[in-house]
All heavy atoms as atom14 arrays in JSON, in Angstrom:
{
  "sequence": "ETPFSSIDTQNRQHTKLWMSFIDGVQHTLLDESRCKCY",
  "atom14_mask": [
    [1, 1, 1, 1, 1, 1, 1, 1, 1, 0, 0, 0, 0, 0],
    [1, 1, 1, 1, 1, 1, 1, 0, 0, 0, 0, 0, 0, 0],
    [1, 1, 1, 1, 1, 1, 1, 0, 0, 0, 0, 0, 0, 0],
    [1, 1, 1, 1, 1, 1, 1, 1, 1, 1, 1, 0, 0, 0],
    [1, 1, 1, 1, 1, 1, 0, 0, 0, 0, 0, 0, 0, 0],
    [1, 1, 1, 1, 1, 1, 0, 0, 0, 0, 0, 0, 0, 0],
    [1, 1, 1, 1, 1, 1, 1, 1, 0, 0, 0, 0, 0, 0],
    [1, 1, 1, 1, 1, 1, 1, 1, 0, 0, 0, 0, 0, 0],
    [1, 1, 1, 1, 1, 1, 1, 0, 0, 0, 0, 0, 0, 0],
    [1, 1, 1, 1, 1, 1, 1, 1, 1, 0, 0, 0, 0, 0],
    [1, 1, 1, 1, 1, 1, 1, 1, 0, 0, 0, 0, 0, 0],
    [1, 1, 1, 1, 1, 1, 1, 1, 1, 1, 1, 0, 0, 0],
    [1, 1, 1, 1, 1, 1, 1, 1, 1, 0, 0, 0, 0, 0],
    [1, 1, 1, 1, 1, 1, 1, 1, 1, 1, 0, 0, 0, 0],
    [1, 1, 1, 1, 1, 1, 1, 0, 0, 0, 0, 0, 0, 0],
    [1, 1, 1, 1, 1, 1, 1, 1, 1, 0, 0, 0, 0, 0],
    [1, 1, 1, 1, 1, 1, 1, 1, 0, 0, 0, 0, 0, 0],
    [1, 1, 1, 1, 1, 1, 1, 1, 1, 1, 1, 1, 1, 1],
    [1, 1, 1, 1, 1, 1, 1, 1, 0, 0, 0, 0, 0, 0],
    [1, 1, 1, 1, 1, 1, 0, 0, 0, 0, 0, 0, 0, 0],
    [1, 1, 1, 1, 1, 1, 1, 1, 1, 1, 1, 0, 0, 0],
    [1, 1, 1, 1, 1, 1, 1, 1, 0, 0, 0, 0, 0, 0],
    [1, 1, 1, 1, 1, 1, 1, 1, 0, 0, 0, 0, 0, 0],
    [1, 1, 1, 1, 0, 0, 0, 0, 0, 0, 0, 0, 0, 0],
    [1, 1, 1, 1, 1, 1, 1, 0, 0, 0, 0, 0, 0, 0],
    [1, 1, 1, 1, 1, 1, 1, 1, 1, 0, 0, 0, 0, 0],
    [1, 1, 1, 1, 1, 1, 1, 1, 1, 1, 0, 0, 0, 0],
    [1, 1, 1, 1, 1, 1, 1, 0, 0, 0, 0, 0, 0, 0],
    [1, 1, 1, 1, 1, 1, 1, 1, 0, 0, 0, 0, 0, 0],
    [1, 1, 1, 1, 1, 1, 1, 1, 0, 0, 0, 0, 0, 0],
    [1, 1, 1, 1, 1, 1, 1, 1, 0, 0, 0, 0, 0, 0],
    [1, 1, 1, 1, 1, 1, 1, 1, 1, 0, 0, 0, 0, 0],
    [1, 1, 1, 1, 1, 1, 0, 0, 0, 0, 0, 0, 0, 0],
    [1, 1, 1, 1, 1, 1, 1, 1, 1, 1, 1, 0, 0, 0],
    [1, 1, 1, 1, 1, 1, 0, 0, 0, 0, 0, 0, 0, 0],
    [1, 1, 1, 1, 1, 1, 1, 1, 1, 0, 0, 0, 0, 0],
    [1, 1, 1, 1, 1, 1, 0, 0, 0, 0, 0, 0, 0, 0],
    [1, 1, 1, 1, 1, 1, 1, 1, 1, 1, 1, 1, 0, 0]
  ],
  "atom14_positions": [
    [[-13.59, -4.79, 9.08], [-14.27, -3.55, 8.74], [-15.36, -3.33, 9.79], [-16.15, -4.23, 10.07], [-14.87, -3.69, 7.35], [-15.5, -2.47, 6.79], [-16.04, -2.72, 5.39], [-16.22, -3.88, 4.98], [-16.3, -1.72, 4.71], [0.0, 0.0, 0.0], [0.0, 0.0, 0.0], [0.0, 0.0, 0.0], [0.0, 0.0, 0.0], [0.0, 0.0, 0.0]],
    [[-15.38, -2.16, 10.37], [-16.38, -1.87, 11.4], [-17.59, -1.2, 10.77], [-17.51, -0.66, 9.66], [-15.81, -0.94, 12.49], [-15.62, 0.36, 11.93], [-14.5, -1.47, 13.05], [0.0, 0.0, 0.0], [0.0, 0.0, 0.0], [0.0, 0.0, 0.0], [0.0, 0.0, 0.0], [0.0, 0.0, 0.0], [0.0, 0.0, 0.0], [0.0, 0.0, 0.0]],
    [[-18.72, -1.21, 11.46], [-19.9, -0.52, 10.93], [-19.8, 0.99, 11.1], [-20.65, 1.73, 10.64], [-21.05, -1.1, 11.76], [-20.42, -1.56, 13.01], [-19.01, -1.97, 12.66], [0.0, 0.0, 0.0], [0.0, 0.0, 0.0], [0.0, 0.0, 0.0], [0.0, 0.0, 0.0], [0.0, 0.0, 0.0], [0.0, 0.0, 0.0], [0.0, 0.0, 0.0]],
    [[-18.74, 1.45, 11.74], [-18.56, 2.88, 11.99], [-17.84, 3.53, 10.83], [-17.16, 2.87, 10.05], [-17.77, 3.1, 13.28], [-18.35, 2.37, 14.45], [-17.68, 1.29, 15.0], [-19.58, 2.73, 14.97], [-18.2, 0.6, 16.07], [-20.12, 2.04, 16.04], [-19.43, 0.98, 16.6], [0.0, 0.0, 0.0], [0.0, 0.0, 0.0], [0.0, 0.0, 0.0]],
    [[-17.97, 4.81, 10.72], [-17.26, 5.54, 9.68], [-16.82, 6.88, 10.22], [-17.32, 7.37, 11.22], [-18.15, 5.72, 8.44], [-19.29, 6.47, 8.77], [0.0, 0.0, 0.0], [0.0, 0.0, 0.0], [0.0, 0.0, 0.0], [0.0, 0.0, 0.0], [0.0, 0.0, 0.0], [0.0, 0.0, 0.0], [0.0, 0.0, 0.0], [0.0, 0.0, 0.0]],
    [[-15.87, 7.46, 9.52], [-15.45, 8.82, 9.84], [-15.77, 9.68, 8.62], [-16.01, 9.17, 7.52], [-13.96, 8.88, 10.17], [-13.19, 8.63, 9.02], [0.0, 0.0, 0.0], [0.0, 0.0, 0.0], [0.0, 0.0, 0.0], [0.0, 0.0, 0.0], [0.0, 0.0, 0.0], [0.0, 0.0, 0.0], [0.0, 0.0, 0.0], [0.0, 0.0, 0.0]],
    [[-15.74, 10.97, 8.8], [-16.07, 11.87, 7.7], [-14.8, 12.44, 7.11], [-13.97, 13.0, 7.82], [-17.0, 13.01, 8.17], [-18.31, 12.42, 8.67], [-17.24, 14.01, 7.05], [-19.25, 13.44, 9.28], [0.0, 0.0, 0.0], [0.0, 0.0, 0.0], [0.0, 0.0, 0.0], [0.0, 0.0, 0.0], [0.0, 0.0, 0.0], [0.0, 0.0, 0.0]],
    [[-14.63, 12.25, 5.81], [-13.53, 12.84, 5.07], [-13.95, 14.27, 4.76], [-14.82, 14.5, 3.91], [-13.29, 12.03, 3.79], [-12.21, 12.62, 2.91], [-11.64, 13.68, 3.24], [-11.92, 12.0, 1.87], [0.0, 0.0, 0.0], [0.0, 0.0, 0.0], [0.0, 0.0, 0.0], [0.0, 0.0, 0.0], [0.0, 0.0, 0.0], [0.0, 0.0, 0.0]],
    [[-13.34, 15.23, 5.44], [-13.77, 16.63, 5.3], [-13.46, 17.19, 3.91], [-14.17, 18.07, 3.44], [-13.12, 17.51, 6.38], [-11.71, 17.32, 6.34], [-13.66, 17.15, 7.76], [0.0, 0.0, 0.0], [0.0, 0.0, 0.0], [0.0, 0.0, 0.0], [0.0, 0.0, 0.0], [0.0, 0.0, 0.0], [0.0, 0.0, 0.0], [0.0, 0.0, 0.0]],
    [[-12.43, 16.69, 3.25], [-12.1, 17.19, 1.91], [-13.14, 16.75, 0.88], [-13.57, 17.54, 0.05], [-10.72, 16.71, 1.48], [-9.61, 17.37, 2.25], [-8.25, 16.85, 1.81], [-8.12, 15.74, 1.31], [-7.23, 17.67, 2.0], [0.0, 0.0, 0.0], [0.0, 0.0, 0.0], [0.0, 0.0, 0.0], [0.0, 0.0, 0.0], [0.0, 0.0, 0.0]],
    [[-13.53, 15.49, 0.92], [-14.47, 14.96, -0.07], [-15.9, 14.91, 0.45], [-16.81, 14.52, -0.28], [-14.05, 13.55, -0.51], [-12.7, 13.55, -1.17], [-12.34, 14.51, -1.84], [-11.94, 12.5, -0.96], [0.0, 0.0, 0.0], [0.0, 0.0, 0.0], [0.0, 0.0, 0.0], [0.0, 0.0, 0.0], [0.0, 0.0, 0.0], [0.0, 0.0, 0.0]],
    [[-16.08, 15.26, 1.71], [-17.4, 15.26, 2.35], [-18.13, 13.93, 2.16], [-19.27, 13.87, 1.73], [-18.25, 16.41, 1.83], [-17.68, 17.75, 2.2], [-18.56, 18.86, 1.7], [-17.93, 20.13, 1.96], [-18.38, 21.0, 2.84], [-19.47, 20.78, 3.5], [-17.74, 22.13, 3.03], [0.0, 0.0, 0.0], [0.0, 0.0, 0.0], [0.0, 0.0, 0.0]],
    [[-17.42, 12.87, 2.49], [-18.03, 11.55, 2.41], [-17.62, 10.72, 3.62], [-16.62, 11.01, 4.27], [-17.62, 10.84, 1.13], [-16.14, 10.51, 1.03], [-15.78, 9.92, -0.3], [-16.42, 10.18, -1.3], [-14.73, 9.12, -0.32], [0.0, 0.0, 0.0], [0.0, 0.0, 0.0], [0.0, 0.0, 0.0], [0.0, 0.0, 0.0], [0.0, 0.0, 0.0]],
    [[-18.38, 9.69, 3.9], [-18.07, 8.79, 5.01], [-17.08, 7.75, 4.55], [-17.14, 7.27, 3.42], [-19.35, 8.1, 5.51], [-20.26, 9.02, 6.24], [-20.1, 9.29, 7.58], [-21.32, 9.75, 5.84], [-21.03, 10.13, 7.97], [-21.79, 10.43, 6.93], [0.0, 0.0, 0.0], [0.0, 0.0, 0.0], [0.0, 0.0, 0.0], [0.0, 0.0, 0.0]],
    [[-16.15, 7.41, 5.4], [-15.16, 6.4, 5.11], [-15.21, 5.34, 6.2], [-15.26, 5.66, 7.39], [-13.74, 7.0, 5.11], [-13.78, 8.29, 4.52], [-12.8, 6.14, 4.32], [0.0, 0.0, 0.0], [0.0, 0.0, 0.0], [0.0, 0.0, 0.0], [0.0, 0.0, 0.0], [0.0, 0.0, 0.0], [0.0, 0.0, 0.0], [0.0, 0.0, 0.0]],
    [[-15.2, 4.08, 5.8], [-15.26, 2.97, 6.75], [-14.02, 2.95, 7.64], [-12.92, 3.3, 7.22], [-15.35, 1.63, 6.02], [-16.66, 1.43, 5.3], [-17.74, 1.14, 6.3], [-19.02, 0.82, 5.57], [-20.02, 0.28, 6.44], [0.0, 0.0, 0.0], [0.0, 0.0, 0.0], [0.0, 0.0, 0.0], [0.0, 0.0, 0.0], [0.0, 0.0, 0.0]],
    [[-14.2, 2.48, 8.86], [-13.09, 2.3, 9.78], [-12.76, 0.81, 9.88], [-13.65, -0.04, 9.85], [-13.46, 2.84, 11.16], [-13.65, 4.34, 11.24], [-14.14, 4.74, 12.63], [-12.37, 5.09, 10.9], [0.0, 0.0, 0.0], [0.0, 0.0, 0.0], [0.0, 0.0, 0.0], [0.0, 0.0, 0.0], [0.0, 0.0, 0.0], [0.0, 0.0, 0.0]],
    [[-11.49, 0.5, 9.99], [-11.0, -0.87, 10.13], [-10.31, -1.0, 11.47], [-9.68, -0.07, 11.95], [-10.0, -1.19, 9.02], [-10.64, -1.36, 7.69], [-11.16, -0.38, 6.89], [-10.86, -2.58, 7.01], [-11.68, -0.93, 5.75], [-11.51, -2.28, 5.8], [-10.57, -3.9, 7.3], [-11.87, -3.26, 4.89], [-10.92, -4.88, 6.39], [-11.57, -4.56, 5.19]],
    [[-10.42, -2.18, 12.09], [-9.8, -2.45, 13.37], [-8.88, -3.66, 13.25], [-9.27, -4.68, 12.67], [-10.87, -2.71, 14.42], [-10.34, -3.04, 15.8], [-9.61, -1.63, 16.61], [-11.05, -0.94, 17.37], [0.0, 0.0, 0.0], [0.0, 0.0, 0.0], [0.0, 0.0, 0.0], [0.0, 0.0, 0.0], [0.0, 0.0, 0.0], [0.0, 0.0, 0.0]],
    [[-7.7, -3.53, 13.81], [-6.74, -4.62, 13.83], [-6.9, -5.41, 15.13], [-6.97, -4.82, 16.21], [-5.32, -4.08, 13.74], [-4.39, -5.07, 14.08], [0.0, 0.0, 0.0], [0.0, 0.0, 0.0], [0.0, 0.0, 0.0], [0.0, 0.0, 0.0], [0.0, 0.0, 0.0], [0.0, 0.0, 0.0], [0.0, 0.0, 0.0], [0.0, 0.0, 0.0]],
    [[-6.96, -6.73, 15.03], [-7.0, -7.56, 16.23], [-5.67, -7.51, 16.97], [-5.64, -7.63, 18.19], [-7.3, -9.02, 15.86], [-8.75, -9.35, 15.87], [-9.47, -9.33, 14.7], [-9.4, -9.67, 17.05], [-10.82, -9.64, 14.69], [-10.75, -9.98, 17.06], [-11.46, -9.96, 15.88], [0.0, 0.0, 0.0], [0.0, 0.0, 0.0], [0.0, 0.0, 0.0]],
    [[-4.58, -7.33, 16.26], [-3.26, -7.39, 16.88], [-2.91, -6.11, 17.62], [-2.58, -6.13, 18.79], [-2.16, -7.7, 15.83], [-2.45, -9.04, 15.15], [-0.78, -7.71, 16.47], [-2.55, -10.24, 16.07], [0.0, 0.0, 0.0], [0.0, 0.0, 0.0], [0.0, 0.0, 0.0], [0.0, 0.0, 0.0], [0.0, 0.0, 0.0], [0.0, 0.0, 0.0]],
    [[-2.97, -4.97, 16.94], [-2.57, -3.74, 17.62], [-3.74, -2.93, 18.15], [-3.54, -1.94, 18.85], [-1.66, -2.88, 16.73], [-2.31, -2.44, 15.44], [-3.55, -2.4, 15.35], [-1.56, -2.13, 14.49], [0.0, 0.0, 0.0], [0.0, 0.0, 0.0], [0.0, 0.0, 0.0], [0.0, 0.0, 0.0], [0.0, 0.0, 0.0], [0.0, 0.0, 0.0]],
    [[-4.96, -3.34, 17.83], [-6.13, -2.64, 18.36], [-6.34, -1.26, 17.8], [-7.17, -0.51, 18.3], [0.0, 0.0, 0.0], [0.0, 0.0, 0.0], [0.0, 0.0, 0.0], [0.0, 0.0, 0.0], [0.0, 0.0, 0.0], [0.0, 0.0, 0.0], [0.0, 0.0, 0.0], [0.0, 0.0, 0.0], [0.0, 0.0, 0.0], [0.0, 0.0, 0.0]],
    [[-5.62, -0.92, 16.75], [-5.72, 0.42, 16.17], [-6.85, 0.45, 15.14], [-6.98, -0.43, 14.31], [-4.38, 0.83, 15.5], [-4.51, 2.14, 14.76], [-3.29, 0.9, 16.54], [0.0, 0.0, 0.0], [0.0, 0.0, 0.0], [0.0, 0.0, 0.0], [0.0, 0.0, 0.0], [0.0, 0.0, 0.0], [0.0, 0.0, 0.0], [0.0, 0.0, 0.0]],
    [[-7.64, 1.5, 15.24], [-8.71, 1.71, 14.27], [-8.22, 2.77, 13.29], [-7.67, 3.78, 13.69], [-9.95, 2.2, 15.02], [-11.22, 2.08, 14.23], [-12.43, 2.4, 15.1], [-12.43, 3.39, 15.8], [-13.45, 1.58, 15.02], [0.0, 0.0, 0.0], [0.0, 0.0, 0.0], [0.0, 0.0, 0.0], [0.0, 0.0, 0.0], [0.0, 0.0, 0.0]],
    [[-8.38, 2.51, 11.99], [-7.91, 3.46, 10.99], [-8.89, 3.55, 9.84], [-9.76, 2.7, 9.67], [-6.51, 3.07, 10.48], [-6.46, 1.71, 9.86], [-6.81, 1.49, 8.56], [-6.13, 0.51, 10.36], [-6.69, 0.21, 8.28], [-6.28, -0.41, 9.36], [0.0, 0.0, 0.0], [0.0, 0.0, 0.0], [0.0, 0.0, 0.0], [0.0, 0.0, 0.0]],
    [[-8.72, 4.6, 9.05], [-9.56, 4.79, 7.86], [-8.74, 4.43, 6.63], [-7.56, 4.15, 6.72], [-10.03, 6.25, 7.74], [-8.87, 7.07, 7.54], [-10.77, 6.7, 8.96], [0.0, 0.0, 0.0], [0.0, 0.0, 0.0], [0.0, 0.0, 0.0], [0.0, 0.0, 0.0], [0.0, 0.0, 0.0], [0.0, 0.0, 0.0], [0.0, 0.0, 0.0]],
    [[-9.38, 4.47, 5.5], [-8.7, 4.19, 4.24], [-8.52, 5.46, 3.43], [-8.57, 5.46, 2.23], [-9.52, 3.17, 3.43], [-9.83, 1.87, 4.14], [-10.69, 0.98, 3.27], [-8.57, 1.17, 4.55], [0.0, 0.0, 0.0], [0.0, 0.0, 0.0], [0.0, 0.0, 0.0], [0.0, 0.0, 0.0], [0.0, 0.0, 0.0], [0.0, 0.0, 0.0]],
    [[-8.32, 6.58, 4.14], [-8.26, 7.87, 3.45], [-7.0, 8.07, 2.63], [-7.04, 8.62, 1.55], [-8.38, 9.01, 4.47], [-9.72, 9.12, 5.17], [-9.67, 10.24, 6.19], [-10.83, 9.36, 4.18], [0.0, 0.0, 0.0], [0.0, 0.0, 0.0], [0.0, 0.0, 0.0], [0.0, 0.0, 0.0], [0.0, 0.0, 0.0], [0.0, 0.0, 0.0]],
    [[-5.86, 7.67, 3.14], [-4.63, 7.94, 2.4], [-4.3, 6.8, 1.44], [-4.78, 5.7, 1.57], [-3.46, 8.24, 3.34], [-3.15, 7.1, 4.3], [-3.29, 5.94, 3.89], [-2.77, 7.39, 5.44], [0.0, 0.0, 0.0], [0.0, 0.0, 0.0], [0.0, 0.0, 0.0], [0.0, 0.0, 0.0], [0.0, 0.0, 0.0], [0.0, 0.0, 0.0]],
    [[-3.48, 7.12, 0.46], [-3.13, 6.16, -0.59], [-2.49, 4.88, -0.04], [-2.7, 3.8, -0.55], [-2.16, 6.8, -1.6], [-2.79, 7.9, -2.43], [-3.82, 7.36, -3.41], [-3.58, 6.3, -4.01], [-4.85, 8.02, -3.57], [0.0, 0.0, 0.0], [0.0, 0.0, 0.0], [0.0, 0.0, 0.0], [0.0, 0.0, 0.0], [0.0, 0.0, 0.0]],
    [[-1.7, 5.02, 1.03], [-1.0, 3.86, 1.56], [-1.95, 2.84, 2.18], [-1.61, 1.7, 2.36], [0.04, 4.29, 2.59], [-0.6, 4.87, 3.71], [0.0, 0.0, 0.0], [0.0, 0.0, 0.0], [0.0, 0.0, 0.0], [0.0, 0.0, 0.0], [0.0, 0.0, 0.0], [0.0, 0.0, 0.0], [0.0, 0.0, 0.0], [0.0, 0.0, 0.0]],
    [[-3.15, 3.27, 2.54], [-4.11, 2.36, 3.16], [-5.23, 1.98, 2.2], [-6.19, 1.36, 2.6], [-4.71, 3.0, 4.41], [-3.71, 3.16, 5.53], [-4.42, 3.01, 6.84], [-3.54, 3.19, 7.96], [-2.94, 2.21, 8.61], [-3.13, 0.97, 8.23], [-2.19, 2.44, 9.63], [0.0, 0.0, 0.0], [0.0, 0.0, 0.0], [0.0, 0.0, 0.0]],
    [[-5.11, 2.34, 0.92], [-6.12, 2.0, -0.06], [-6.2, 0.48, -0.19], [-5.18, -0.19, -0.28], [-5.78, 2.61, -1.41], [-6.95, 2.19, -2.69], [0.0, 0.0, 0.0], [0.0, 0.0, 0.0], [0.0, 0.0, 0.0], [0.0, 0.0, 0.0], [0.0, 0.0, 0.0], [0.0, 0.0, 0.0], [0.0, 0.0, 0.0], [0.0, 0.0, 0.0]],
    [[-7.39, -0.04, -0.15], [-7.57, -1.49, -0.23], [-8.05, -1.86, -1.63], [-9.15, -1.52, -2.02], [-8.6, -1.96, 0.79], [-8.27, -1.61, 2.22], [-7.25, -2.55, 2.77], [-7.03, -2.28, 4.25], [-6.05, -3.12, 4.85], [0.0, 0.0, 0.0], [0.0, 0.0, 0.0], [0.0, 0.0, 0.0], [0.0, 0.0, 0.0], [0.0, 0.0, 0.0]],
    [[-7.2, -2.51, -2.39], [-7.57, -2.98, -3.72], [-7.1, -4.43, -3.84], [-5.96, -4.75, -3.58], [-6.9, -2.12, -4.79], [-7.41, -2.56, -6.45], [0.0, 0.0, 0.0], [0.0, 0.0, 0.0], [0.0, 0.0, 0.0], [0.0, 0.0, 0.0], [0.0, 0.0, 0.0], [0.0, 0.0, 0.0], [0.0, 0.0, 0.0], [0.0, 0.0, 0.0]],
    [[-8.02, -5.28, -4.2], [-7.76, -6.71, -4.26], [-8.13, -7.24, -5.64], [-8.7, -6.55, -6.45], [-8.64, -7.45, -3.23], [-8.53, -6.91, -1.83], [-9.32, -5.85, -1.41], [-7.64, -7.47, -0.93], [-9.23, -5.35, -0.12], [-7.54, -6.98, 0.36], [-8.35, -5.92, 0.77], [-8.25, -5.43, 2.03], [0.0, 0.0, 0.0], [0.0, 0.0, 0.0]]
  ]
}
């Protein structure tokens, strides 16, 4: 989890960005498929 965030324009809130060590892709948890629940 990075200290950076993006803005969800629909909900007007900040969302954390995650970075993968393997593919180097940074993504948000905005869509259902990326929801993190443990």
